[in-house]
Amino acid sequence: MFQTDLSPAHYDRKTVTYHWLSAVLIFGMWLVGQSFDYLPEGQPSDVAMSLHVLTGLLLAVVILLRLQWRFTGGTRLPLAQDGLLGKVSKGVHHLLYLLTLLTVVLGVLAAWVHGVAVFDWFQWPELRPGDREFQELTCDLHGLLANLLVALAAAHGAMAAWHRWVLKDAIAQRMDF
């Protein structure tokens, strides 16, 4: 069953900041990515793509800093739950990291394959000019992983809300500022 007598242990401020910054960037990029099919060609589409790419690069930096901090100085808390639920929770967290990394890597590959221009600042060289099939494949895989990531992150958030407002235990407080 659920442990409800957890001490209100918290992650350190830097870990919490990386967590919430990652969440905001991921959901923001996902929303912008969902708008691509509805934007007219030209400036609105180009601006949305540029914002998406720059935010993706920022997320890559945040994730690398987050992982570096986790392995060198971040607060490590024990599993919040025992047994199967604890193992599932740990697995979900690892899957969130993996999906985030893979989505970012595929996003960079997709930008490279398409030769994306980021505002007028720089132009990614096109990796395989004219290979529409490969371009579509990279974008489709990037989109699929992004959708899976957002779905899993939403489920993660729903479980945190469940712990905070229904079970009223201290698990969700671990990521409070």
Protein backbone atom coordinates (compact mmCIF):
# COMPACT_ATOMS: atom_id res chain seq x y z
CA MET A 1 0.00 0.00 0.00
CA PHE A 2 1.00 3.67 0.03
CA GLN A 3 3.36 5.03 2.63
CA THR A 4 1.68 8.02 4.22
CA ASP A 5 4.10 8.77 7.03
CA LEU A 6 6.87 10.10 4.84
CA SER A 7 8.99 12.85 6.23
CA PRO A 8 8.67 15.99 4.13
CA ALA A 9 12.13 15.53 2.63
CA HIS A 10 12.76 17.78 -0.34
CA TYR A 11 15.01 17.81 -3.32
CA ASP A 12 17.46 20.70 -3.38
CA ARG A 13 16.48 23.96 -5.11
CA LYS A 14 18.65 23.33 -8.18
CA THR A 15 17.10 19.88 -8.77
CA VAL A 16 13.61 21.30 -8.36
CA THR A 17 14.41 24.18 -10.72
CA TYR A 18 15.73 21.80 -13.39
CA HIS A 19 12.64 19.62 -12.97
CA TRP A 20 10.12 22.43 -13.42
CA LEU A 21 12.14 24.18 -16.14
CA SER A 22 12.25 20.89 -18.08
CA ALA A 23 8.49 20.45 -17.67
CA VAL A 24 7.70 23.98 -18.88
CA LEU A 25 10.06 23.69 -21.86
CA ILE A 26 8.71 20.27 -22.87
CA PHE A 27 5.05 21.29 -22.71
CA GLY A 28 5.76 24.62 -24.41
CA MET A 29 7.65 22.98 -27.27
CA TRP A 30 4.97 20.34 -27.63
CA LEU A 31 2.28 23.03 -27.97
CA VAL A 32 4.33 24.90 -30.57
CA GLY A 33 5.00 21.62 -32.40
CA GLN A 34 1.27 20.89 -32.49
CA SER A 35 0.68 24.24 -34.20
CA PHE A 36 2.93 23.56 -37.21
CA ASP A 37 0.22 21.98 -39.35
CA TYR A 38 -2.13 24.93 -38.75
CA LEU A 39 0.23 27.79 -39.48
CA PRO A 40 0.48 29.34 -42.94
CA GLU A 41 3.75 28.97 -44.81
CA GLY A 42 6.20 31.80 -44.44
CA GLN A 43 6.90 33.97 -41.45
CA PRO A 44 4.44 32.48 -38.87
CA SER A 45 5.65 28.97 -39.60
CA ASP A 46 9.31 30.03 -39.70
CA VAL A 47 9.03 31.86 -36.37
CA ALA A 48 7.31 28.87 -34.73
CA MET A 49 10.00 26.50 -36.05
CA SER A 50 12.79 28.81 -34.90
CA LEU A 51 11.28 29.05 -31.41
CA HIS A 52 10.83 25.28 -31.31
CA VAL A 53 14.44 24.61 -32.32
CA LEU A 54 15.94 27.19 -29.94
CA THR A 55 13.80 25.91 -27.08
CA GLY A 56 14.88 22.36 -27.95
CA LEU A 57 18.52 23.39 -27.76
CA LEU A 58 17.84 25.08 -24.41
CA LEU A 59 16.15 21.89 -23.19
CA ALA A 60 19.21 19.88 -24.28
CA VAL A 61 21.43 22.13 -22.15
CA VAL A 62 19.02 21.94 -19.19
CA ILE A 63 18.86 18.13 -19.41
CA LEU A 64 22.65 17.82 -19.58
CA LEU A 65 23.04 20.17 -16.60
CA ARG A 66 20.31 18.28 -14.76
CA LEU A 67 21.97 14.92 -15.31
CA GLN A 68 25.37 16.32 -14.38
CA TRP A 69 23.91 17.77 -11.18
CA ARG A 70 22.08 14.55 -10.38
CA PHE A 71 25.28 12.53 -10.59
CA THR A 72 27.60 15.01 -8.87
CA GLY A 73 25.76 17.03 -6.25
CA GLY A 74 22.02 16.84 -6.34
CA THR A 75 19.99 15.60 -3.42
CA ARG A 76 19.22 11.91 -3.67
CA LEU A 77 16.15 10.78 -1.81
CA PRO A 78 15.14 7.18 -1.18
CA LEU A 79 12.20 5.76 -3.07
CA ALA A 80 9.00 7.33 -1.80
CA GLN A 81 7.17 4.00 -1.87
CA ASP A 82 8.11 0.41 -1.16
CA GLY A 83 7.52 -2.63 -3.32
CA LEU A 84 6.08 -2.67 -6.80
CA LEU A 85 4.82 0.93 -6.73
CA GLY A 86 8.30 2.17 -5.86
CA LYS A 87 9.82 0.19 -8.70
CA VAL A 88 7.17 1.41 -11.17
CA SER A 89 7.76 4.99 -10.05
CA LYS A 90 11.52 4.65 -10.53
CA GLY A 91 10.97 3.08 -13.95
CA VAL A 92 8.66 5.92 -15.01
CA HIS A 93 11.27 8.49 -13.98
CA HIS A 94 13.97 6.69 -15.96
CA LEU A 95 11.63 6.46 -18.95
CA LEU A 96 10.94 10.20 -18.71
CA TYR A 97 14.68 10.89 -18.87
CA LEU A 98 15.15 8.47 -21.77
CA LEU A 99 12.21 9.83 -23.79
CA THR A 100 13.39 13.40 -23.19
CA LEU A 101 16.91 12.62 -24.40
CA LEU A 102 15.72 10.64 -27.43
CA THR A 103 13.18 13.31 -28.38
CA VAL A 104 15.82 16.04 -28.22
CA VAL A 105 18.32 13.97 -30.23
CA LEU A 106 15.70 13.20 -32.89
CA GLY A 107 14.68 16.87 -32.91
CA VAL A 108 18.26 17.92 -33.62
CA LEU A 109 18.48 15.25 -36.32
CA ALA A 110 15.19 16.44 -37.85
CA ALA A 111 16.44 20.05 -37.93
CA TRP A 112 19.68 18.88 -39.53
CA VAL A 113 17.93 16.67 -42.08
CA HIS A 114 15.65 19.54 -43.12
CA GLY A 115 18.31 22.23 -43.05
CA VAL A 116 16.22 24.41 -40.74
CA ALA A 117 16.89 28.14 -40.61
CA VAL A 118 16.70 29.58 -37.10
CA PHE A 119 15.46 33.13 -37.56
CA ASP A 120 18.15 34.79 -39.62
CA TRP A 121 20.83 33.78 -37.15
CA PHE A 122 21.99 30.51 -38.62
CA GLN A 123 21.03 27.85 -41.12
CA TRP A 124 21.45 24.20 -40.27
CA PRO A 125 23.13 22.48 -43.23
CA GLU A 126 20.79 20.00 -44.89
CA LEU A 127 22.04 16.48 -44.15
CA ARG A 128 20.42 14.55 -47.00
CA PRO A 129 19.09 17.04 -49.57
CA GLY A 130 16.10 15.79 -51.49
CA ASP A 131 15.55 12.66 -49.37
CA ARG A 132 11.91 13.39 -48.50
CA GLU A 133 11.35 9.89 -47.10
CA PHE A 134 14.15 10.29 -44.55
CA GLN A 135 12.97 13.82 -43.70
CA GLU A 136 9.44 12.57 -43.03
CA LEU A 137 10.71 9.60 -41.02
CA THR A 138 12.81 11.76 -38.68
CA CYS A 139 9.96 14.24 -38.14
CA ASP A 140 7.42 11.46 -37.58
CA LEU A 141 9.66 9.68 -35.04
CA HIS A 142 10.41 12.97 -33.27
CA GLY A 143 6.68 13.74 -33.10
CA LEU A 144 5.82 10.24 -31.88
CA LEU A 145 8.41 10.36 -29.10
CA ALA A 146 7.30 13.88 -28.15
CA ASN A 147 3.69 12.69 -27.88
CA LEU A 148 4.74 9.71 -25.75
CA LEU A 149 6.86 11.98 -23.56
CA VAL A 150 4.02 14.45 -22.99
CA ALA A 151 1.54 11.64 -22.28
CA LEU A 152 3.89 10.07 -19.74
CA ALA A 153 4.67 13.48 -18.19
CA ALA A 154 0.93 14.20 -17.92
CA ALA A 155 0.39 10.84 -16.17
CA HIS A 156 3.33 11.68 -13.89
CA GLY A 157 1.73 15.03 -13.06
CA ALA A 158 -1.65 13.39 -12.47
CA MET A 159 -0.07 10.95 -10.01
CA ALA A 160 1.65 13.84 -8.20
CA ALA A 161 -1.73 15.60 -7.94
CA TRP A 162 -3.30 12.36 -6.67
CA HIS A 163 -0.68 12.12 -3.94
CA ARG A 164 -1.00 15.79 -2.99
CA TRP A 165 -4.79 16.24 -2.97
CA VAL A 166 -6.32 12.78 -2.62
CA LEU A 167 -3.87 10.73 -0.57
CA LYS A 168 -2.58 13.86 1.14
CA ASP A 169 0.87 12.36 1.62
CA ALA A 170 4.22 14.13 1.31
CA ILE A 171 5.40 12.59 -1.96
CA ALA A 172 4.54 15.54 -4.20
CA GLN A 173 6.08 17.97 -1.70
CA ARG A 174 9.47 16.55 -2.57
CA MET A 175 9.47 18.74 -5.72
CA ASP A 176 8.18 21.93 -4.06
CA PHE A 177 10.36 25.01 -3.95
